[in-house]
C-alpha atoms as a PDB file:
ATOM      1  CA  VAL A   1     -33.648   0.910 -26.443  1.00  0.00           C
ATOM      2  CA  ASP A   2     -34.540   2.106 -29.908  1.00  0.00           C
ATOM      3  CA  ILE A   3     -34.841   5.831 -30.448  1.00  0.00           C
ATOM      4  CA  CYS A   4     -36.071   8.056 -33.224  1.00  0.00           C
ATOM      5  CA  ILE A   5     -33.122   8.608 -35.540  1.00  0.00           C
ATOM      6  CA  PRO A   6     -33.637  11.622 -37.808  1.00  0.00           C
ATOM      7  CA  ASP A   7     -33.368  11.361 -41.594  1.00  0.00           C
ATOM      8  CA  ARG A   8     -32.892   7.609 -41.549  1.00  0.00           C
ATOM      9  CA  ILE A   9     -33.258   5.687 -44.823  1.00  0.00           C
ATOM     10  CA  SER A  10     -35.225   2.470 -44.512  1.00  0.00           C
ATOM     11  CA  ILE A  11     -33.741  -0.819 -45.602  1.00  0.00           C
ATOM     12  CA  THR A  12     -36.756  -1.089 -47.909  1.00  0.00           C
ATOM     13  CA  MET A  13     -35.077   1.629 -49.992  1.00  0.00           C
ATOM     14  CA  ARG A  14     -31.801  -0.307 -50.225  1.00  0.00           C
ATOM     15  CA  PRO A  15     -31.013  -1.135 -53.875  1.00  0.00           C
ATOM     16  CA  GLU A  16     -31.346  -4.728 -55.085  1.00  0.00           C
ATOM     17  CA  ILE A  17     -27.666  -4.759 -56.050  1.00  0.00           C
ATOM     18  CA  ILE A  18     -26.908  -4.567 -52.310  1.00  0.00           C
ATOM     19  CA  ASN A  19     -29.653  -6.981 -51.296  1.00  0.00           C
ATOM     20  CA  ASN A  20     -28.325  -9.533 -53.790  1.00  0.00           C
ATOM     21  CA  ARG A  21     -24.671  -9.095 -52.729  1.00  0.00           C
ATOM     22  CA  GLU A  22     -23.685  -8.225 -56.294  1.00  0.00           C
ATOM     23  CA  HIS A  23     -20.723  -6.040 -55.372  1.00  0.00           C
ATOM     24  CA  TYR A  24     -18.269  -5.440 -52.581  1.00  0.00           C
ATOM     25  CA  GLY A  25     -18.256  -2.669 -50.003  1.00  0.00           C
ATOM     26  CA  ASP A  26     -21.704  -3.144 -48.492  1.00  0.00           C
ATOM     27  CA  TRP A  27     -21.520  -3.630 -44.742  1.00  0.00           C
ATOM     28  CA  GLU A  28     -23.787  -4.555 -41.871  1.00  0.00           C
ATOM     29  CA  SER A  29     -22.971  -3.344 -38.372  1.00  0.00           C
ATOM     30  CA  ASP A  30     -24.154  -4.523 -34.984  1.00  0.00           C
ATOM     31  CA  SER A  31     -23.291  -4.096 -31.320  1.00  0.00           C
ATOM     32  CA  VAL A  32     -23.283  -6.979 -28.877  1.00  0.00           C
ATOM     33  CA  LEU A  33     -23.157  -6.731 -25.103  1.00  0.00           C
ATOM     34  CA  PHE A  34     -21.469  -9.283 -22.885  1.00  0.00           C
ATOM     35  CA  SER A  35     -23.400 -10.444 -19.836  1.00  0.00           C
ATOM     36  CA  HIS A  36     -22.859  -8.553 -16.590  1.00  0.00           C
ATOM     37  CA  GLN A  37     -20.501  -6.125 -18.292  1.00  0.00           C
ATOM     38  CA  LYS A  38     -20.843  -2.678 -19.733  1.00  0.00           C
ATOM     39  CA  GLN A  39     -18.328  -3.483 -22.434  1.00  0.00           C
ATOM     40  CA  ALA A  40     -19.602  -4.481 -25.845  1.00  0.00           C
ATOM     41  CA  ARG A  41     -18.215  -5.306 -29.212  1.00  0.00           C
ATOM     42  CA  SER A  42     -19.011  -3.499 -32.420  1.00  0.00           C
ATOM     43  CA  VAL A  43     -18.990  -5.807 -35.425  1.00  0.00           C
ATOM     44  CA  GLN A  44     -18.872  -4.775 -39.074  1.00  0.00           C
ATOM     45  CA  TYR A  45     -19.472  -7.435 -41.706  1.00  0.00           C
ATOM     46  CA  GLU A  46     -18.862  -7.061 -45.457  1.00  0.00           C
ATOM     47  CA  ARG A  47     -21.803  -8.797 -47.098  1.00  0.00           C
ATOM     48  CA  LYS A  48     -20.222 -10.283 -50.238  1.00  0.00           C
ATOM     49  CA  SER A  49     -16.877 -11.538 -48.863  1.00  0.00           C
ATOM     50  CA  GLN A  50     -18.102 -12.231 -45.315  1.00  0.00           C
ATOM     51  CA  TRP A  51     -14.991 -10.408 -44.121  1.00  0.00           C
ATOM     52  CA  LEU A  52     -15.368  -8.663 -40.780  1.00  0.00           C
ATOM     53  CA  ARG A  53     -13.892  -6.166 -38.437  1.00  0.00           C
ATOM     54  CA  TRP A  54     -14.733  -5.984 -34.781  1.00  0.00           C
ATOM     55  CA  HIS A  55     -13.749  -3.703 -31.979  1.00  0.00           C
ATOM     56  CA  LEU A  56     -14.230  -3.754 -28.250  1.00  0.00           C
ATOM     57  CA  VAL A  57     -16.105  -0.644 -27.160  1.00  0.00           C
ATOM     58  CA  ALA A  58     -16.622   0.744 -23.663  1.00  0.00           C
ATOM     59  CA  ASP A  59     -20.403   0.709 -24.122  1.00  0.00           C
ATOM     60  CA  LYS A  60     -23.142   0.826 -26.756  1.00  0.00           C
ATOM     61  CA  SER A  61     -23.117   4.613 -26.993  1.00  0.00           C
ATOM     62  CA  ALA A  62     -23.227   6.508 -30.288  1.00  0.00           C
ATOM     63  CA  VAL A  63     -19.767   7.951 -29.545  1.00  0.00           C
ATOM     64  CA  GLU A  64     -18.185   4.524 -29.048  1.00  0.00           C
ATOM     65  CA  THR A  65     -19.968   3.000 -32.036  1.00  0.00           C
ATOM     66  CA  THR A  66     -18.968   5.889 -34.324  1.00  0.00           C
ATOM     67  CA  ARG A  67     -15.360   5.489 -33.162  1.00  0.00           C
ATOM     68  CA  ALA A  68     -15.463   1.749 -33.958  1.00  0.00           C
ATOM     69  CA  LEU A  69     -17.009   2.336 -37.392  1.00  0.00           C
ATOM     70  CA  THR A  70     -14.348   4.936 -38.138  1.00  0.00           C
ATOM     71  CA  GLN A  71     -11.646   2.440 -37.140  1.00  0.00           C
ATOM     72  CA  THR A  72     -13.161  -0.067 -39.537  1.00  0.00           C
ATOM     73  CA  PHE A  73     -13.717   2.146 -42.564  1.00  0.00           C
ATOM     74  CA  LYS A  74     -10.869   4.681 -42.453  1.00  0.00           C
ATOM     75  CA  PRO A  75      -8.066   2.319 -43.624  1.00  0.00           C
ATOM     76  CA  LEU A  76     -10.141   0.640 -46.339  1.00  0.00           C
ATOM     77  CA  PRO A  77      -9.780   1.450 -50.051  1.00  0.00           C
ATOM     78  CA  GLU A  78     -12.707   3.327 -51.623  1.00  0.00           C
ATOM     79  CA  PRO A  79     -14.187   0.274 -53.409  1.00  0.00           C
ATOM     80  CA  LEU A  80     -14.822  -1.292 -49.985  1.00  0.00           C
ATOM     81  CA  LYS A  81     -16.798   1.722 -48.719  1.00  0.00           C
ATOM     82  CA  GLN A  82     -20.203   1.696 -50.411  1.00  0.00           C
ATOM     83  CA  SER A  83     -22.955   1.325 -47.810  1.00  0.00           C
ATOM     84  CA  CYS A  84     -23.692   0.285 -44.235  1.00  0.00           C
ATOM     85  CA  THR A  85     -26.893  -1.222 -42.811  1.00  0.00           C
ATOM     86  CA  VAL A  86     -27.629  -0.842 -39.091  1.00  0.00           C
ATOM     87  CA  ASP A  87     -30.527  -1.250 -36.678  1.00  0.00           C
ATOM     88  CA  ASN A  88     -32.385   1.503 -34.845  1.00  0.00           C
ATOM     89  CA  GLY A  89     -30.442   1.346 -31.579  1.00  0.00           C
ATOM     90  CA  GLY A  90     -29.223   4.585 -30.050  1.00  0.00           C
ATOM     91  CA  GLU A  91     -25.649   3.505 -30.758  1.00  0.00           C
ATOM     92  CA  ASN A  92     -26.311   4.345 -34.420  1.00  0.00           C
ATOM     93  CA  TYR A  93     -27.393   7.930 -33.756  1.00  0.00           C
ATOM     94  CA  GLY A  94     -24.058   9.190 -35.117  1.00  0.00           C
ATOM     95  CA  TYR A  95     -24.547   7.534 -38.499  1.00  0.00           C
ATOM     96  CA  THR A  96     -24.330  10.865 -40.348  1.00  0.00           C
ATOM     97  CA  ILE A  97     -20.665  11.180 -39.328  1.00  0.00           C
ATOM     98  CA  ILE A  98     -19.882   7.868 -41.033  1.00  0.00           C
ATOM     99  CA  ARG A  99     -22.130   8.631 -44.011  1.00  0.00           C
ATOM    100  CA  ASP A 100     -20.554  12.027 -44.595  1.00  0.00           C
ATOM    101  CA  SER A 101     -16.942  11.115 -43.758  1.00  0.00           C
ATOM    102  CA  PHE A 102     -16.809   8.043 -45.968  1.00  0.00           C
ATOM    103  CA  LYS A 103     -19.539   8.842 -48.532  1.00  0.00           C
ATOM    104  CA  MET A 104     -21.340   5.637 -47.535  1.00  0.00           C
ATOM    105  CA  GLU A 105     -25.108   5.494 -47.746  1.00  0.00           C
ATOM    106  CA  THR A 106     -26.601   4.167 -44.501  1.00  0.00           C
ATOM    107  CA  TYR A 107     -29.739   2.052 -44.333  1.00  0.00           C
ATOM    108  CA  PHE A 108     -31.764   1.222 -41.240  1.00  0.00           C
ATOM    109  CA  CYS A 109     -33.673  -1.980 -40.530  1.00  0.00           C
ATOM    110  CA  GLU A 110     -37.339  -1.525 -39.803  1.00  0.00           C
ATOM    111  CA  PRO A 111     -37.937  -1.083 -36.045  1.00  0.00           C
ATOM    112  CA  TYR A 112     -37.628  -4.408 -34.173  1.00  0.00           C
ATOM    113  CA  HIS A 113     -36.512  -6.179 -37.376  1.00  0.00           C
ATOM    114  CA  SER A 114     -32.771  -6.587 -36.784  1.00  0.00           C
ATOM    115  CA  TRP A 115     -33.055  -9.902 -38.619  1.00  0.00           C
ATOM    116  CA  GLN A 116     -33.208  -7.781 -41.786  1.00  0.00           C
ATOM    117  CA  LYS A 117     -29.440  -7.567 -41.534  1.00  0.00           C
ATOM    118  CA  GLY A 118     -29.240 -11.335 -41.260  1.00  0.00           C
ATOM    119  CA  GLY A 119     -25.637 -11.668 -42.346  1.00  0.00           C
ATOM    120  CA  GLY A 120     -24.476  -9.624 -39.385  1.00  0.00           C
ATOM    121  CA  GLU A 121     -26.760 -11.548 -37.025  1.00  0.00           C
ATOM    122  CA  ASN A 122     -25.305 -14.824 -38.356  1.00  0.00           C
ATOM    123  CA  ILE A 123     -21.780 -13.528 -37.855  1.00  0.00           C
ATOM    124  CA  ASN A 124     -22.577 -12.657 -34.250  1.00  0.00           C
ATOM    125  CA  GLY A 125     -23.658 -16.262 -33.720  1.00  0.00           C
ATOM    126  CA  LEU A 126     -20.403 -17.534 -35.197  1.00  0.00           C
ATOM    127  CA  LEU A 127     -18.371 -15.118 -33.076  1.00  0.00           C
ATOM    128  CA  ARG A 128     -20.164 -16.404 -29.962  1.00  0.00           C
ATOM    129  CA  GLN A 129     -18.427 -19.755 -30.647  1.00  0.00           C
ATOM    130  CA  TYR A 130     -15.146 -17.969 -29.935  1.00  0.00           C
ATOM    131  CA  LEU A 131     -16.422 -15.454 -27.367  1.00  0.00           C
ATOM    132  CA  PRO A 132     -19.302 -16.775 -25.250  1.00  0.00           C
ATOM    133  CA  ARG A 133     -21.442 -14.276 -23.366  1.00  0.00           C
ATOM    134  CA  GLN A 134     -19.498 -14.887 -20.146  1.00  0.00           C
ATOM    135  CA  THR A 135     -16.145 -13.914 -21.727  1.00  0.00           C
ATOM    136  CA  ALA A 136     -14.196 -11.376 -19.670  1.00  0.00           C
ATOM    137  CA  VAL A 137     -13.661  -9.096 -22.650  1.00  0.00           C
ATOM    138  CA  SER A 138     -11.794  -6.547 -20.542  1.00  0.00           C
ATOM    139  CA  LYS A 139      -8.925  -9.065 -20.415  1.00  0.00           C
ATOM    140  CA  LEU A 140      -8.650  -9.422 -24.187  1.00  0.00           C
ATOM    141  CA  THR A 141      -5.662  -7.792 -25.844  1.00  0.00           C
ATOM    142  CA  GLU A 142      -5.493  -6.340 -29.350  1.00  0.00           C
ATOM    143  CA  GLU A 143      -3.487  -9.450 -30.287  1.00  0.00           C
ATOM    144  CA  ASP A 144      -6.325 -11.669 -28.995  1.00  0.00           C
ATOM    145  CA  ILE A 145      -8.824  -9.733 -31.081  1.00  0.00           C
ATOM    146  CA  HIS A 146      -6.641  -9.931 -34.199  1.00  0.00           C
ATOM    147  CA  SER A 147      -6.064 -13.665 -33.672  1.00  0.00           C
ATOM    148  CA  LEU A 148      -9.793 -14.376 -33.335  1.00  0.00           C
ATOM    149  CA  GLN A 149     -10.565 -12.229 -36.357  1.00  0.00           C
ATOM    150  CA  GLU A 150      -8.023 -14.174 -38.427  1.00  0.00           C
ATOM    151  CA  LYS A 151      -9.464 -17.526 -37.275  1.00  0.00           C
ATOM    152  CA  PHE A 152     -12.778 -16.302 -38.560  1.00  0.00           C
ATOM    153  CA  HIS A 153     -11.295 -14.980 -41.818  1.00  0.00           C
ATOM    154  CA  ASN A 154      -9.536 -18.289 -42.536  1.00  0.00           C
ATOM    155  CA  ARG A 155     -12.583 -20.472 -41.929  1.00  0.00           C
ATOM    156  CA  LEU A 156     -13.796 -22.184 -45.118  1.00  0.00           C
ATOM    157  CA  ARG A 157     -17.317 -21.161 -46.136  1.00  0.00           C
ATOM    158  CA  LYS A 158     -19.744 -23.214 -48.136  1.00  0.00           C
ATOM    159  CA  SER A 159     -21.475 -19.955 -49.113  1.00  0.00           C
ATOM    160  CA  LEU A 160     -18.169 -18.761 -50.628  1.00  0.00           C
ATOM    161  CA  ASP A 161     -17.771 -21.933 -52.716  1.00  0.00           C
ATOM    162  CA  GLY A 162     -15.305 -23.404 -50.252  1.00  0.00           C
ATOM    163  CA  LEU A 163     -13.130 -20.295 -50.038  1.00  0.00           C
ATOM    164  CA  THR A 164     -12.323 -18.261 -46.945  1.00  0.00           C
ATOM    165  CA  PRO A 165     -13.261 -14.610 -46.440  1.00  0.00           C
ATOM    166  CA  ASN A 166      -9.533 -13.748 -46.612  1.00  0.00           C
ATOM    167  CA  GLU A 167      -9.189 -15.441 -49.997  1.00  0.00           C
ATOM    168  CA  VAL A 168     -12.280 -13.695 -51.368  1.00  0.00           C
ATOM    169  CA  ILE A 169     -11.310 -10.222 -50.149  1.00  0.00           C
ATOM    170  CA  ALA A 170      -7.682 -10.658 -51.305  1.00  0.00           C
ATOM    171  CA  GLU A 171      -8.819 -11.552 -54.827  1.00  0.00           C
ATOM    172  CA  PHE A 172     -11.134  -8.540 -54.908  1.00  0.00           C
ATOM    173  CA  LEU A 173      -8.424  -6.171 -53.692  1.00  0.00           C
ATOM    174  CA  LYS A 174      -5.958  -7.579 -56.204  1.00  0.00           C
ATOM    175  CA  SER A 175      -8.406  -7.016 -59.063  1.00  0.00           C
ATOM    176  CA  LYS A 176      -9.705  -3.594 -57.970  1.00  0.00           C
ATOM    177  CA  VAL A 177      -6.925  -1.770 -56.233  1.00  0.00           C
ATOM    178  CA  GLY A 178      -3.807  -3.655 -57.293  1.00  0.00           C
ATOM    179  CA  HIS A 179      -2.794  -4.980 -53.859  1.00  0.00           C
END
């Protein structure tokens, strides 16, 4: 259920440099429920490198989503923390915590237009290949999650000129932060 989120900035105000994937650090975030389960996953997708982070969350609450976003962004170097685009679901009500903690501007899709963060929606489709709706996510371990994430990160992408998200993000980190 979508709710009225105060002080939200519309995706229509998002700068073209983000829309065109001209730099790193711009993320899309989404929550996905599994059928017949309360548990969900919170997925964050870096638009330029197609690198992702995902976390199992107890539910689609704002508290759980904010915790997952914090887990994603806290360990990242500053150049990878520029912006985040989300939908209008109640799970994003705590966006100001992320915005203020990490100095990341947050943009919201227009109501009922989650396709406006199409990269994240595409990633969810790809992740469904590994985790169908019927998956008993409560039985997944942190190692399972890490393994699936790495499978995804090491998958060649035509849109990345035949590179993998891991290769793209590693090159960026090497050039920007000396890792």
